[in-house]
Each structure stands twice: as structure tokens, then as C-alpha cells.
N, C-alpha and C. Protein backbone atom coordinates (compact mmCIF):
# COMPACT_ATOMS: atom_id res chain seq x y z
N UNK A 1 28.04 12.80 -38.52
CA UNK A 1 28.26 13.30 -37.17
C UNK A 1 26.95 13.73 -36.51
N UNK A 2 25.99 14.23 -37.31
CA UNK A 2 24.73 14.68 -36.75
C UNK A 2 23.86 13.51 -36.30
N UNK A 3 23.88 12.42 -37.04
CA UNK A 3 23.04 11.27 -36.69
C UNK A 3 23.38 10.68 -35.33
N UNK A 4 24.65 10.42 -34.99
CA UNK A 4 24.94 9.89 -33.66
C UNK A 4 24.53 10.85 -32.53
N UNK A 5 24.69 12.14 -32.75
CA UNK A 5 24.30 13.11 -31.72
C UNK A 5 22.79 13.11 -31.54
N UNK A 6 22.06 13.05 -32.65
CA UNK A 6 20.60 12.99 -32.58
C UNK A 6 20.12 11.71 -31.93
N UNK A 7 20.75 10.60 -32.28
CA UNK A 7 20.41 9.31 -31.68
C UNK A 7 20.68 9.34 -30.18
N UNK A 8 21.80 9.88 -29.76
CA UNK A 8 22.15 9.97 -28.35
C UNK A 8 21.14 10.85 -27.61
N UNK A 9 20.76 11.96 -28.18
CA UNK A 9 19.77 12.85 -27.58
C UNK A 9 18.42 12.16 -27.44
N UNK A 10 18.00 11.43 -28.45
CA UNK A 10 16.76 10.68 -28.40
C UNK A 10 16.80 9.61 -27.32
N UNK A 11 17.91 8.93 -27.20
CA UNK A 11 18.08 7.91 -26.16
C UNK A 11 17.99 8.52 -24.77
N UNK A 12 18.67 9.63 -24.55
CA UNK A 12 18.61 10.29 -23.24
C UNK A 12 17.21 10.78 -22.91
N UNK A 13 16.51 11.30 -23.90
CA UNK A 13 15.14 11.78 -23.69
C UNK A 13 14.22 10.64 -23.28
N UNK A 14 14.32 9.51 -23.96
CA UNK A 14 13.45 8.38 -23.61
C UNK A 14 13.79 7.82 -22.23
N UNK A 15 15.06 7.81 -21.86
CA UNK A 15 15.44 7.36 -20.52
C UNK A 15 14.91 8.31 -19.47
N UNK A 16 15.00 9.60 -19.71
CA UNK A 16 14.51 10.60 -18.77
C UNK A 16 13.01 10.46 -18.56
N UNK A 17 12.25 10.25 -19.62
CA UNK A 17 10.81 10.11 -19.51
C UNK A 17 10.42 8.86 -18.73
N UNK A 18 11.15 7.78 -18.92
CA UNK A 18 10.83 6.56 -18.19
C UNK A 18 11.15 6.71 -16.71
N UNK A 19 12.20 7.43 -16.38
CA UNK A 19 12.54 7.66 -14.98
C UNK A 19 11.62 8.68 -14.34
N UNK A 20 11.16 9.65 -15.11
CA UNK A 20 10.31 10.71 -14.57
C UNK A 20 8.94 10.18 -14.17
N UNK A 21 8.47 9.13 -14.83
CA UNK A 21 7.17 8.58 -14.49
C UNK A 21 7.17 8.01 -13.09
N UNK A 22 8.24 7.36 -12.68
CA UNK A 22 8.32 6.77 -11.35
C UNK A 22 7.30 5.66 -11.17
N UNK A 23 7.27 5.15 -10.00
CA UNK A 23 6.27 4.13 -9.69
C UNK A 23 5.61 4.52 -8.38
N UNK A 24 4.42 5.06 -8.48
CA UNK A 24 3.70 5.46 -7.29
C UNK A 24 2.80 4.32 -6.87
N UNK A 25 3.14 3.73 -5.75
CA UNK A 25 2.37 2.60 -5.26
C UNK A 25 1.10 3.07 -4.57
N UNK A 26 0.41 2.15 -3.98
CA UNK A 26 -0.78 2.44 -3.21
C UNK A 26 -0.34 2.85 -1.82
N UNK A 27 -0.14 4.13 -1.59
CA UNK A 27 0.38 4.62 -0.33
C UNK A 27 -0.72 5.21 0.54
N UNK A 28 -0.59 5.01 1.84
CA UNK A 28 -1.48 5.64 2.81
C UNK A 28 -1.03 7.08 3.02
N UNK A 29 -1.98 7.98 2.94
CA UNK A 29 -1.68 9.39 3.17
C UNK A 29 -2.16 9.85 4.55
N UNK A 30 -2.99 9.03 5.19
CA UNK A 30 -3.51 9.36 6.52
C UNK A 30 -3.96 8.10 7.23
N UNK A 31 -4.37 8.27 8.48
CA UNK A 31 -4.80 7.15 9.32
C UNK A 31 -6.28 7.29 9.69
N UNK A 32 -6.93 6.15 9.91
CA UNK A 32 -8.26 6.17 10.50
C UNK A 32 -8.08 6.32 12.01
N UNK A 33 -9.07 6.91 12.65
CA UNK A 33 -9.00 7.11 14.10
C UNK A 33 -9.48 5.86 14.83
N UNK A 34 -10.42 5.17 14.26
CA UNK A 34 -10.97 3.95 14.85
C UNK A 34 -11.75 3.18 13.80
N UNK A 35 -12.22 2.00 14.20
CA UNK A 35 -13.00 1.16 13.28
C UNK A 35 -14.20 0.60 14.02
N UNK A 36 -15.31 0.46 13.31
CA UNK A 36 -16.49 -0.18 13.89
C UNK A 36 -16.22 -1.67 14.08
N UNK A 37 -16.98 -2.27 14.96
CA UNK A 37 -16.85 -3.71 15.22
C UNK A 37 -17.14 -4.50 13.95
N UNK A 38 -18.15 -4.08 13.19
CA UNK A 38 -18.49 -4.81 11.95
C UNK A 38 -17.35 -4.72 10.94
N UNK A 39 -16.66 -3.61 10.90
CA UNK A 39 -15.52 -3.46 9.98
C UNK A 39 -14.36 -4.33 10.45
N UNK A 40 -14.16 -4.42 11.74
CA UNK A 40 -13.07 -5.24 12.28
C UNK A 40 -13.26 -6.71 11.91
N UNK A 41 -14.52 -7.14 11.86
CA UNK A 41 -14.80 -8.54 11.50
C UNK A 41 -14.51 -8.82 10.03
N UNK A 42 -14.51 -7.79 9.22
CA UNK A 42 -14.29 -7.95 7.78
C UNK A 42 -12.83 -7.85 7.37
N UNK A 43 -11.93 -7.76 8.33
CA UNK A 43 -10.50 -7.70 7.99
C UNK A 43 -10.06 -9.08 7.54
N UNK A 44 -9.49 -9.13 6.35
CA UNK A 44 -9.02 -10.39 5.78
C UNK A 44 -7.54 -10.61 6.10
N UNK A 45 -6.74 -9.55 5.95
CA UNK A 45 -5.30 -9.62 6.23
C UNK A 45 -4.79 -8.20 6.37
N UNK A 46 -3.49 -8.09 6.54
CA UNK A 46 -2.89 -6.76 6.60
C UNK A 46 -1.48 -6.83 6.05
N UNK A 47 -0.95 -5.65 5.73
CA UNK A 47 0.45 -5.55 5.31
C UNK A 47 1.01 -4.28 5.93
N UNK A 48 2.31 -4.27 6.08
CA UNK A 48 2.98 -3.10 6.63
C UNK A 48 3.45 -2.21 5.49
N UNK A 49 3.23 -0.93 5.64
CA UNK A 49 3.76 0.05 4.69
C UNK A 49 4.90 0.78 5.39
N UNK A 50 6.08 0.62 4.86
CA UNK A 50 7.25 1.27 5.45
C UNK A 50 7.54 2.57 4.72
N UNK A 51 8.44 3.35 5.25
CA UNK A 51 8.74 4.66 4.67
C UNK A 51 9.79 4.60 3.58
N UNK A 52 10.24 3.42 3.21
CA UNK A 52 11.20 3.32 2.12
C UNK A 52 10.46 3.28 0.78
N UNK A 53 11.14 3.64 -0.25
CA UNK A 53 10.53 3.60 -1.58
C UNK A 53 9.62 4.77 -1.84
N UNK A 54 8.42 4.49 -2.34
CA UNK A 54 7.50 5.54 -2.76
C UNK A 54 6.73 6.19 -1.62
N UNK A 55 6.47 5.46 -0.56
CA UNK A 55 5.59 5.94 0.50
C UNK A 55 6.39 6.62 1.61
N UNK A 56 5.84 7.70 2.13
CA UNK A 56 6.57 8.44 3.15
C UNK A 56 5.92 8.39 4.52
N UNK A 57 4.97 7.48 4.71
CA UNK A 57 4.28 7.35 5.99
C UNK A 57 4.21 5.89 6.38
N UNK A 58 4.68 5.58 7.57
CA UNK A 58 4.62 4.21 8.09
C UNK A 58 3.17 3.92 8.48
N UNK A 59 2.65 2.77 8.04
CA UNK A 59 1.24 2.46 8.30
C UNK A 59 1.00 0.95 8.25
N UNK A 60 -0.11 0.56 8.88
CA UNK A 60 -0.64 -0.79 8.72
C UNK A 60 -1.80 -0.66 7.75
N UNK A 61 -1.77 -1.45 6.70
CA UNK A 61 -2.84 -1.41 5.69
C UNK A 61 -3.67 -2.68 5.86
N UNK A 62 -4.87 -2.51 6.40
CA UNK A 62 -5.78 -3.64 6.57
C UNK A 62 -6.52 -3.88 5.26
N UNK A 63 -6.52 -5.12 4.79
CA UNK A 63 -7.24 -5.50 3.57
C UNK A 63 -8.56 -6.11 3.99
N UNK A 64 -9.64 -5.52 3.51
CA UNK A 64 -10.97 -5.96 3.89
C UNK A 64 -11.48 -7.03 2.93
N UNK A 65 -12.44 -7.84 3.40
CA UNK A 65 -13.04 -8.85 2.53
C UNK A 65 -13.73 -8.15 1.37
N UNK A 66 -13.53 -8.69 0.19
CA UNK A 66 -14.09 -8.09 -1.02
C UNK A 66 -15.52 -8.56 -1.23
N UNK A 67 -16.39 -7.62 -1.48
CA UNK A 67 -17.78 -7.93 -1.79
C UNK A 67 -17.90 -8.13 -3.29
N UNK A 68 -18.87 -8.92 -3.74
CA UNK A 68 -19.03 -9.14 -5.19
C UNK A 68 -19.27 -7.86 -5.97
N UNK A 69 -19.89 -6.87 -5.35
CA UNK A 69 -20.20 -5.63 -6.06
C UNK A 69 -19.01 -4.67 -6.15
N UNK A 70 -17.94 -4.96 -5.43
CA UNK A 70 -16.78 -4.07 -5.43
C UNK A 70 -15.81 -4.43 -6.55
N UNK A 71 -15.27 -3.40 -7.17
CA UNK A 71 -14.28 -3.63 -8.23
C UNK A 71 -12.91 -3.94 -7.63
N UNK A 72 -12.58 -3.26 -6.54
CA UNK A 72 -11.28 -3.45 -5.89
C UNK A 72 -11.46 -3.81 -4.43
N UNK A 73 -10.45 -4.42 -3.86
CA UNK A 73 -10.47 -4.74 -2.44
C UNK A 73 -10.27 -3.45 -1.64
N UNK A 74 -11.11 -3.22 -0.67
CA UNK A 74 -11.03 -2.01 0.15
C UNK A 74 -9.88 -2.12 1.14
N UNK A 75 -9.19 -1.02 1.36
CA UNK A 75 -8.10 -0.97 2.32
C UNK A 75 -8.37 0.12 3.34
N UNK A 76 -7.85 -0.10 4.55
CA UNK A 76 -7.96 0.88 5.62
C UNK A 76 -6.57 1.06 6.21
N UNK A 77 -6.13 2.31 6.32
CA UNK A 77 -4.80 2.62 6.83
C UNK A 77 -4.89 3.02 8.30
N UNK A 78 -3.99 2.47 9.11
CA UNK A 78 -4.00 2.77 10.54
C UNK A 78 -2.57 2.98 11.04
N UNK A 79 -2.48 3.69 12.15
CA UNK A 79 -1.19 4.00 12.77
C UNK A 79 -0.67 2.77 13.51
N UNK A 80 0.48 2.23 13.13
CA UNK A 80 0.99 1.00 13.76
C UNK A 80 1.41 1.19 15.21
N UNK A 81 1.52 2.42 15.68
CA UNK A 81 1.92 2.67 17.07
C UNK A 81 0.75 2.67 18.04
N UNK A 82 -0.47 2.68 17.53
CA UNK A 82 -1.65 2.71 18.40
C UNK A 82 -1.95 1.30 18.94
N UNK A 83 -2.30 1.21 20.23
CA UNK A 83 -2.57 -0.11 20.84
C UNK A 83 -3.71 -0.86 20.17
N UNK A 84 -4.78 -0.16 19.75
CA UNK A 84 -5.90 -0.87 19.14
C UNK A 84 -5.51 -1.48 17.80
N UNK A 85 -4.58 -0.87 17.11
CA UNK A 85 -4.11 -1.39 15.82
C UNK A 85 -3.26 -2.64 16.07
N UNK A 86 -2.39 -2.58 17.06
CA UNK A 86 -1.56 -3.74 17.40
C UNK A 86 -2.43 -4.91 17.85
N UNK A 87 -3.51 -4.61 18.58
CA UNK A 87 -4.44 -5.65 19.01
C UNK A 87 -5.13 -6.30 17.80
N UNK A 88 -5.54 -5.49 16.83
CA UNK A 88 -6.15 -6.03 15.61
C UNK A 88 -5.17 -6.89 14.83
N UNK A 89 -3.92 -6.43 14.74
CA UNK A 89 -2.90 -7.21 14.02
C UNK A 89 -2.69 -8.56 14.69
N UNK A 90 -2.65 -8.57 16.01
CA UNK A 90 -2.48 -9.84 16.74
C UNK A 90 -3.66 -10.77 16.50
N UNK A 91 -4.86 -10.21 16.46
CA UNK A 91 -6.05 -11.02 16.19
C UNK A 91 -6.03 -11.62 14.80
N UNK A 92 -5.61 -10.86 13.82
CA UNK A 92 -5.50 -11.37 12.44
C UNK A 92 -4.44 -12.46 12.38
N UNK A 93 -3.31 -12.25 13.07
CA UNK A 93 -2.25 -13.26 13.09
C UNK A 93 -2.74 -14.56 13.71
N UNK A 94 -3.50 -14.46 14.81
CA UNK A 94 -4.04 -15.67 15.46
C UNK A 94 -5.01 -16.39 14.54
N UNK A 95 -5.87 -15.64 13.87
CA UNK A 95 -6.84 -16.23 12.96
C UNK A 95 -6.15 -16.93 11.80
N UNK A 96 -5.10 -16.31 11.27
CA UNK A 96 -4.35 -16.91 10.16
C UNK A 96 -3.63 -18.19 10.62
N UNK A 97 -3.07 -18.16 11.83
CA UNK A 97 -2.39 -19.35 12.36
C UNK A 97 -3.35 -20.49 12.58
N UNK A 98 -4.57 -20.19 13.01
CA UNK A 98 -5.57 -21.22 13.24
C UNK A 98 -6.05 -21.85 11.94
N UNK A 99 -6.03 -21.09 10.85
CA UNK A 99 -6.46 -21.61 9.55
C UNK A 99 -5.40 -22.54 8.95
N UNK A 100 -4.15 -22.34 9.30
CA UNK A 100 -3.07 -23.16 8.72
C UNK A 100 -2.82 -24.37 9.51
């Protein structure tokens, strides 16, 4: 009788630990106020961050061109409601359409 109870307790503990870890994605915690012209030219693509799941702030995440010396691709978070951000998104969309 003790073995099944111990086994059940061990199973619940391992399930709890796996759920407690969660999955914290790469979330934007704030926005940039603006971007330099040289930085705007280095935008490779973008993705939308919605408030569902792990992230609690809606944002546009611009992915910058990766330099050989960088370990990771740099990202810049911006407010999707700002006109300059929408203009940048439209420019990236046009550039992507022209490449295809």
C-alpha cells in the first residue's frame, strides 16, 4: 500500500516541477522611442508579439541583420500603434514582396 502512494506522490511532484518551469519566450518588456536611419536600413524582417501566451505586451519585434561578430540576432521592440513603426513595417513588407 505504501509503494503506490509513494509512486503517485513522485509522479505528481515531477508533473508539478515540469509545469512550474513554464516556457518564457523572448518577450519585449518595453519599446524604443525611435530608430536611427542606419538602424532602419539594417532591418531584415519583423514579427508581431501578441499578448497571448507568455508575453503581456503587444509589440512589433524588428529582427536586425546579423553581423559575423554577433552570437545572436539583435532585436528591437517597438509600439505597433505608432505611425513610424507602421511605416517601417510597410517598407519591410514592400522589400520582401520585391524579393519574391
